[in-house]
N, C-alpha and C. Protein backbone atom coordinates (compact mmCIF):
# COMPACT_ATOMS: atom_id res chain seq x y z
N MET A 1 -95.67 -46.76 -14.79
CA MET A 1 -95.35 -47.96 -15.54
C MET A 1 -93.86 -48.25 -15.37
N ILE A 2 -93.54 -49.52 -15.38
CA ILE A 2 -92.15 -49.97 -15.29
C ILE A 2 -91.79 -50.66 -16.59
N ARG A 3 -90.72 -50.22 -17.22
CA ARG A 3 -90.22 -50.85 -18.45
C ARG A 3 -89.05 -51.75 -18.07
N HIS A 4 -89.25 -53.05 -18.23
CA HIS A 4 -88.25 -54.09 -17.95
C HIS A 4 -87.51 -54.34 -19.25
N ILE A 5 -86.22 -54.00 -19.28
CA ILE A 5 -85.41 -54.08 -20.50
C ILE A 5 -84.39 -55.19 -20.32
N VAL A 6 -84.34 -56.12 -21.27
CA VAL A 6 -83.42 -57.25 -21.19
C VAL A 6 -82.67 -57.34 -22.52
N LEU A 7 -81.34 -57.37 -22.43
CA LEU A 7 -80.49 -57.52 -23.61
C LEU A 7 -79.76 -58.85 -23.52
N LEU A 8 -79.62 -59.52 -24.67
CA LEU A 8 -79.03 -60.85 -24.73
C LEU A 8 -77.83 -60.87 -25.67
N LYS A 9 -76.71 -61.37 -25.16
CA LYS A 9 -75.54 -61.66 -25.98
C LYS A 9 -75.55 -63.18 -26.15
N ALA A 10 -76.05 -63.64 -27.30
CA ALA A 10 -76.23 -65.07 -27.53
C ALA A 10 -74.90 -65.76 -27.87
N ARG A 11 -74.82 -67.03 -27.48
CA ARG A 11 -73.68 -67.85 -27.87
C ARG A 11 -73.67 -67.94 -29.39
N PRO A 12 -72.48 -68.00 -30.02
CA PRO A 12 -72.41 -68.01 -31.49
C PRO A 12 -73.19 -69.14 -32.16
N GLU A 13 -73.30 -70.28 -31.50
CA GLU A 13 -73.98 -71.42 -32.12
C GLU A 13 -75.50 -71.38 -31.95
N VAL A 14 -76.02 -70.41 -31.22
CA VAL A 14 -77.47 -70.30 -31.03
C VAL A 14 -78.08 -69.63 -32.26
N SER A 15 -79.03 -70.31 -32.88
CA SER A 15 -79.62 -69.82 -34.13
C SER A 15 -80.65 -68.71 -33.88
N GLU A 16 -80.87 -67.95 -34.93
CA GLU A 16 -81.92 -66.93 -34.89
C GLU A 16 -83.27 -67.58 -34.62
N ALA A 17 -83.49 -68.77 -35.18
CA ALA A 17 -84.76 -69.47 -34.98
C ALA A 17 -84.94 -69.85 -33.51
N HIS A 18 -83.87 -70.25 -32.84
CA HIS A 18 -83.97 -70.61 -31.43
C HIS A 18 -84.31 -69.37 -30.59
N ILE A 19 -83.65 -68.26 -30.88
CA ILE A 19 -83.95 -67.02 -30.15
C ILE A 19 -85.40 -66.60 -30.42
N ALA A 20 -85.85 -66.71 -31.67
CA ALA A 20 -87.24 -66.38 -32.00
C ALA A 20 -88.21 -67.26 -31.22
N SER A 21 -87.85 -68.52 -31.01
CA SER A 21 -88.69 -69.43 -30.24
C SER A 21 -88.78 -69.00 -28.77
N ILE A 22 -87.66 -68.58 -28.21
CA ILE A 22 -87.67 -68.08 -26.83
C ILE A 22 -88.54 -66.83 -26.73
N PHE A 23 -88.39 -65.93 -27.69
CA PHE A 23 -89.21 -64.71 -27.68
C PHE A 23 -90.69 -65.03 -27.87
N ALA A 24 -91.01 -66.05 -28.67
CA ALA A 24 -92.41 -66.45 -28.84
C ALA A 24 -92.98 -66.94 -27.51
N ASP A 25 -92.18 -67.69 -26.75
CA ASP A 25 -92.62 -68.13 -25.42
C ASP A 25 -92.86 -66.93 -24.51
N LEU A 26 -91.98 -65.94 -24.61
CA LEU A 26 -92.15 -64.72 -23.82
C LEU A 26 -93.45 -64.03 -24.17
N HIS A 27 -93.72 -63.87 -25.46
CA HIS A 27 -94.95 -63.19 -25.90
C HIS A 27 -96.21 -63.96 -25.50
N ALA A 28 -96.07 -65.26 -25.28
CA ALA A 28 -97.23 -66.07 -24.89
C ALA A 28 -97.60 -65.91 -23.41
N LEU A 29 -96.73 -65.26 -22.63
CA LEU A 29 -97.03 -65.05 -21.22
C LEU A 29 -98.26 -64.16 -21.09
N SER A 30 -99.18 -64.59 -20.28
CA SER A 30 -100.39 -63.81 -20.04
C SER A 30 -100.54 -63.66 -18.54
N LEU A 31 -99.88 -62.64 -18.01
CA LEU A 31 -99.88 -62.42 -16.57
C LEU A 31 -100.47 -61.05 -16.25
N PRO A 32 -101.15 -60.93 -15.12
CA PRO A 32 -101.72 -59.63 -14.74
C PRO A 32 -100.63 -58.57 -14.64
N GLY A 33 -100.93 -57.39 -15.13
CA GLY A 33 -100.01 -56.27 -15.02
C GLY A 33 -99.07 -56.10 -16.19
N ILE A 34 -99.04 -57.06 -17.13
CA ILE A 34 -98.23 -56.87 -18.34
C ILE A 34 -99.02 -55.97 -19.28
N VAL A 35 -98.41 -54.86 -19.65
CA VAL A 35 -99.04 -53.89 -20.54
C VAL A 35 -98.66 -54.16 -21.99
N ALA A 36 -97.38 -54.46 -22.23
CA ALA A 36 -96.89 -54.70 -23.60
C ALA A 36 -95.58 -55.45 -23.55
N ILE A 37 -95.32 -56.23 -24.61
CA ILE A 37 -94.05 -56.93 -24.78
C ILE A 37 -93.57 -56.67 -26.20
N HIS A 38 -92.29 -56.31 -26.33
CA HIS A 38 -91.65 -56.11 -27.64
C HIS A 38 -90.32 -56.85 -27.61
N SER A 39 -89.96 -57.48 -28.72
CA SER A 39 -88.70 -58.22 -28.77
C SER A 39 -88.13 -58.19 -30.17
N GLY A 40 -86.83 -58.48 -30.27
CA GLY A 40 -86.23 -58.60 -31.59
C GLY A 40 -84.72 -58.45 -31.57
N ARG A 41 -84.20 -58.32 -32.77
CA ARG A 41 -82.77 -58.16 -33.00
C ARG A 41 -82.48 -56.68 -33.22
N SER A 42 -81.35 -56.23 -32.74
CA SER A 42 -81.00 -54.81 -32.89
C SER A 42 -80.88 -54.43 -34.36
N GLU A 43 -81.40 -53.26 -34.65
CA GLU A 43 -81.26 -52.66 -35.98
C GLU A 43 -80.62 -51.28 -35.85
N SER A 44 -79.85 -51.09 -34.79
CA SER A 44 -79.27 -49.78 -34.50
C SER A 44 -78.28 -49.34 -35.57
N PRO A 45 -78.45 -48.14 -36.09
CA PRO A 45 -77.46 -47.62 -37.04
C PRO A 45 -76.14 -47.26 -36.36
N GLU A 46 -76.15 -47.14 -35.03
CA GLU A 46 -74.92 -46.80 -34.31
C GLU A 46 -73.93 -47.95 -34.23
N LYS A 47 -74.43 -49.19 -34.28
CA LYS A 47 -73.59 -50.39 -34.29
C LYS A 47 -72.67 -50.48 -33.07
N ILE A 48 -73.20 -50.16 -31.88
CA ILE A 48 -72.37 -50.27 -30.66
C ILE A 48 -73.03 -51.20 -29.66
N GLU A 49 -73.63 -52.28 -30.15
CA GLU A 49 -74.31 -53.22 -29.28
C GLU A 49 -73.36 -54.06 -28.42
N ARG A 50 -72.10 -54.13 -28.81
CA ARG A 50 -71.09 -54.89 -28.07
C ARG A 50 -71.50 -56.35 -27.88
N GLY A 51 -72.12 -56.91 -28.90
CA GLY A 51 -72.51 -58.31 -28.87
C GLY A 51 -73.91 -58.57 -28.35
N TYR A 52 -74.54 -57.58 -27.74
CA TYR A 52 -75.91 -57.72 -27.25
C TYR A 52 -76.87 -57.42 -28.41
N MET A 53 -77.04 -58.42 -29.27
CA MET A 53 -77.76 -58.21 -30.53
C MET A 53 -79.26 -58.47 -30.43
N HIS A 54 -79.72 -59.07 -29.35
CA HIS A 54 -81.15 -59.36 -29.18
C HIS A 54 -81.63 -58.79 -27.86
N GLY A 55 -82.90 -58.46 -27.82
CA GLY A 55 -83.43 -57.94 -26.57
C GLY A 55 -84.93 -57.87 -26.59
N PHE A 56 -85.45 -57.54 -25.42
CA PHE A 56 -86.89 -57.36 -25.31
C PHE A 56 -87.20 -56.39 -24.19
N THR A 57 -88.40 -55.85 -24.27
CA THR A 57 -88.94 -55.03 -23.19
C THR A 57 -90.29 -55.60 -22.80
N VAL A 58 -90.56 -55.52 -21.51
CA VAL A 58 -91.89 -55.84 -21.00
C VAL A 58 -92.31 -54.64 -20.16
N ASP A 59 -93.43 -54.05 -20.51
CA ASP A 59 -93.98 -52.94 -19.75
C ASP A 59 -94.96 -53.49 -18.73
N PHE A 60 -94.77 -53.09 -17.46
CA PHE A 60 -95.63 -53.53 -16.36
C PHE A 60 -96.38 -52.33 -15.81
N SER A 61 -97.56 -52.58 -15.30
CA SER A 61 -98.38 -51.50 -14.74
C SER A 61 -97.74 -50.90 -13.49
N ASN A 62 -97.00 -51.70 -12.73
CA ASN A 62 -96.37 -51.21 -11.50
C ASN A 62 -95.30 -52.20 -11.03
N TRP A 63 -94.62 -51.84 -9.95
CA TRP A 63 -93.55 -52.68 -9.40
C TRP A 63 -94.09 -54.03 -8.92
N GLN A 64 -95.29 -54.05 -8.39
CA GLN A 64 -95.88 -55.29 -7.90
C GLN A 64 -96.09 -56.28 -9.04
N ALA A 65 -96.51 -55.79 -10.19
CA ALA A 65 -96.70 -56.66 -11.35
C ALA A 65 -95.37 -57.23 -11.82
N LEU A 66 -94.32 -56.42 -11.79
CA LEU A 66 -92.98 -56.91 -12.14
C LEU A 66 -92.54 -57.99 -11.16
N ALA A 67 -92.76 -57.77 -9.87
CA ALA A 67 -92.37 -58.76 -8.85
C ALA A 67 -93.13 -60.07 -9.05
N ALA A 68 -94.41 -59.98 -9.37
CA ALA A 68 -95.21 -61.19 -9.60
C ALA A 68 -94.69 -61.95 -10.82
N TYR A 69 -94.33 -61.22 -11.87
CA TYR A 69 -93.75 -61.81 -13.08
C TYR A 69 -92.45 -62.53 -12.75
N GLN A 70 -91.59 -61.88 -11.98
CA GLN A 70 -90.30 -62.47 -11.65
C GLN A 70 -90.45 -63.77 -10.86
N ALA A 71 -91.48 -63.88 -10.05
CA ALA A 71 -91.70 -65.07 -9.23
C ALA A 71 -92.47 -66.17 -9.97
N HIS A 72 -93.07 -65.84 -11.10
CA HIS A 72 -93.94 -66.79 -11.80
C HIS A 72 -93.14 -67.90 -12.47
N PRO A 73 -93.61 -69.15 -12.41
CA PRO A 73 -92.88 -70.27 -13.02
C PRO A 73 -92.70 -70.13 -14.54
N ASP A 74 -93.65 -69.51 -15.24
CA ASP A 74 -93.48 -69.33 -16.69
C ASP A 74 -92.33 -68.36 -16.99
N HIS A 75 -92.19 -67.31 -16.18
CA HIS A 75 -91.05 -66.41 -16.34
C HIS A 75 -89.75 -67.16 -16.07
N LYS A 76 -89.73 -67.96 -15.04
CA LYS A 76 -88.52 -68.72 -14.70
C LYS A 76 -88.14 -69.67 -15.83
N ARG A 77 -89.13 -70.27 -16.49
CA ARG A 77 -88.86 -71.17 -17.62
C ARG A 77 -88.25 -70.40 -18.79
N VAL A 78 -88.85 -69.27 -19.15
CA VAL A 78 -88.32 -68.45 -20.25
C VAL A 78 -86.94 -67.90 -19.87
N GLY A 79 -86.79 -67.48 -18.62
CA GLY A 79 -85.50 -66.99 -18.15
C GLY A 79 -84.42 -68.04 -18.24
N ALA A 80 -84.74 -69.27 -17.89
CA ALA A 80 -83.76 -70.36 -17.98
C ALA A 80 -83.34 -70.60 -19.43
N ALA A 81 -84.28 -70.49 -20.35
CA ALA A 81 -83.95 -70.65 -21.77
C ALA A 81 -83.03 -69.52 -22.24
N LEU A 82 -83.28 -68.30 -21.77
CA LEU A 82 -82.41 -67.17 -22.12
C LEU A 82 -81.00 -67.38 -21.58
N VAL A 83 -80.90 -67.79 -20.32
CA VAL A 83 -79.58 -68.02 -19.71
C VAL A 83 -78.84 -69.11 -20.48
N ALA A 84 -79.54 -70.17 -20.87
CA ALA A 84 -78.91 -71.26 -21.62
C ALA A 84 -78.41 -70.80 -22.99
N ALA A 85 -79.09 -69.81 -23.58
CA ALA A 85 -78.70 -69.31 -24.90
C ALA A 85 -77.63 -68.23 -24.84
N ALA A 86 -77.42 -67.67 -23.66
CA ALA A 86 -76.51 -66.53 -23.51
C ALA A 86 -75.05 -66.95 -23.42
N GLU A 87 -74.20 -66.15 -24.00
CA GLU A 87 -72.77 -66.35 -23.90
C GLU A 87 -72.35 -66.12 -22.45
N GLY A 88 -71.79 -67.15 -21.82
CA GLY A 88 -71.39 -67.03 -20.43
C GLY A 88 -72.54 -67.16 -19.44
N GLY A 89 -73.68 -67.69 -19.90
CA GLY A 89 -74.82 -67.82 -19.01
C GLY A 89 -75.36 -66.46 -18.61
N ILE A 90 -75.59 -66.28 -17.33
CA ILE A 90 -76.17 -65.02 -16.84
C ILE A 90 -75.30 -63.81 -17.19
N ASP A 91 -74.00 -64.02 -17.39
CA ASP A 91 -73.11 -62.91 -17.75
C ASP A 91 -73.41 -62.36 -19.14
N GLY A 92 -74.14 -63.10 -19.95
CA GLY A 92 -74.51 -62.65 -21.29
C GLY A 92 -75.87 -61.98 -21.35
N ILE A 93 -76.38 -61.59 -20.18
CA ILE A 93 -77.69 -60.94 -20.11
C ILE A 93 -77.58 -59.66 -19.29
N LEU A 94 -78.17 -58.59 -19.80
CA LEU A 94 -78.27 -57.32 -19.06
C LEU A 94 -79.75 -57.04 -18.79
N VAL A 95 -80.04 -56.61 -17.58
CA VAL A 95 -81.42 -56.26 -17.22
C VAL A 95 -81.41 -54.85 -16.64
N PHE A 96 -82.38 -54.06 -17.06
CA PHE A 96 -82.51 -52.68 -16.60
C PHE A 96 -83.99 -52.39 -16.43
N ASP A 97 -84.41 -51.98 -15.26
CA ASP A 97 -85.80 -51.65 -14.99
C ASP A 97 -85.95 -50.14 -14.84
N LEU A 98 -86.80 -49.56 -15.68
CA LEU A 98 -86.91 -48.12 -15.78
C LEU A 98 -88.33 -47.66 -15.49
N PRO A 99 -88.52 -46.87 -14.42
CA PRO A 99 -89.84 -46.25 -14.23
C PRO A 99 -90.05 -45.24 -15.36
N VAL A 100 -91.18 -45.33 -16.01
CA VAL A 100 -91.48 -44.44 -17.14
C VAL A 100 -92.30 -43.27 -16.63
N ALA A 101 -91.79 -42.08 -16.79
CA ALA A 101 -92.42 -40.85 -16.26
C ALA A 101 -93.81 -40.65 -16.87
N GLY A 102 -94.67 -40.08 -16.04
CA GLY A 102 -96.02 -39.75 -16.51
C GLY A 102 -96.99 -40.90 -16.46
N THR A 103 -96.55 -42.02 -15.87
CA THR A 103 -97.43 -43.18 -15.75
C THR A 103 -97.42 -43.65 -14.31
N ALA A 104 -98.33 -44.48 -13.96
CA ALA A 104 -98.39 -45.01 -12.58
C ALA A 104 -97.16 -45.85 -12.29
N ALA A 105 -96.55 -45.66 -11.16
CA ALA A 105 -95.37 -46.46 -10.80
C ALA A 105 -95.49 -47.03 -9.46
């Protein structure tokens, strides 16, 4: 399994409701190979988010499913909304793809 991790540093004027709307669009994606989607605002007791207060994970069955998601127009639409909400555009987004041990990769 591949865990696609995305962190968002939102522009100050972007409301929580707007971010929730973007995440709702993300959760509405129904593409082959998506195992699970989780999203929300950080609740870390460590408080070292460095402005990346929102994020989501998408678990994919394999690398091919992730590649298909990345090429899909619905992903591109949600991605464009994230970039528009991010401080500095793409510079306000971090992406990390992690193969999860013990699962198919």
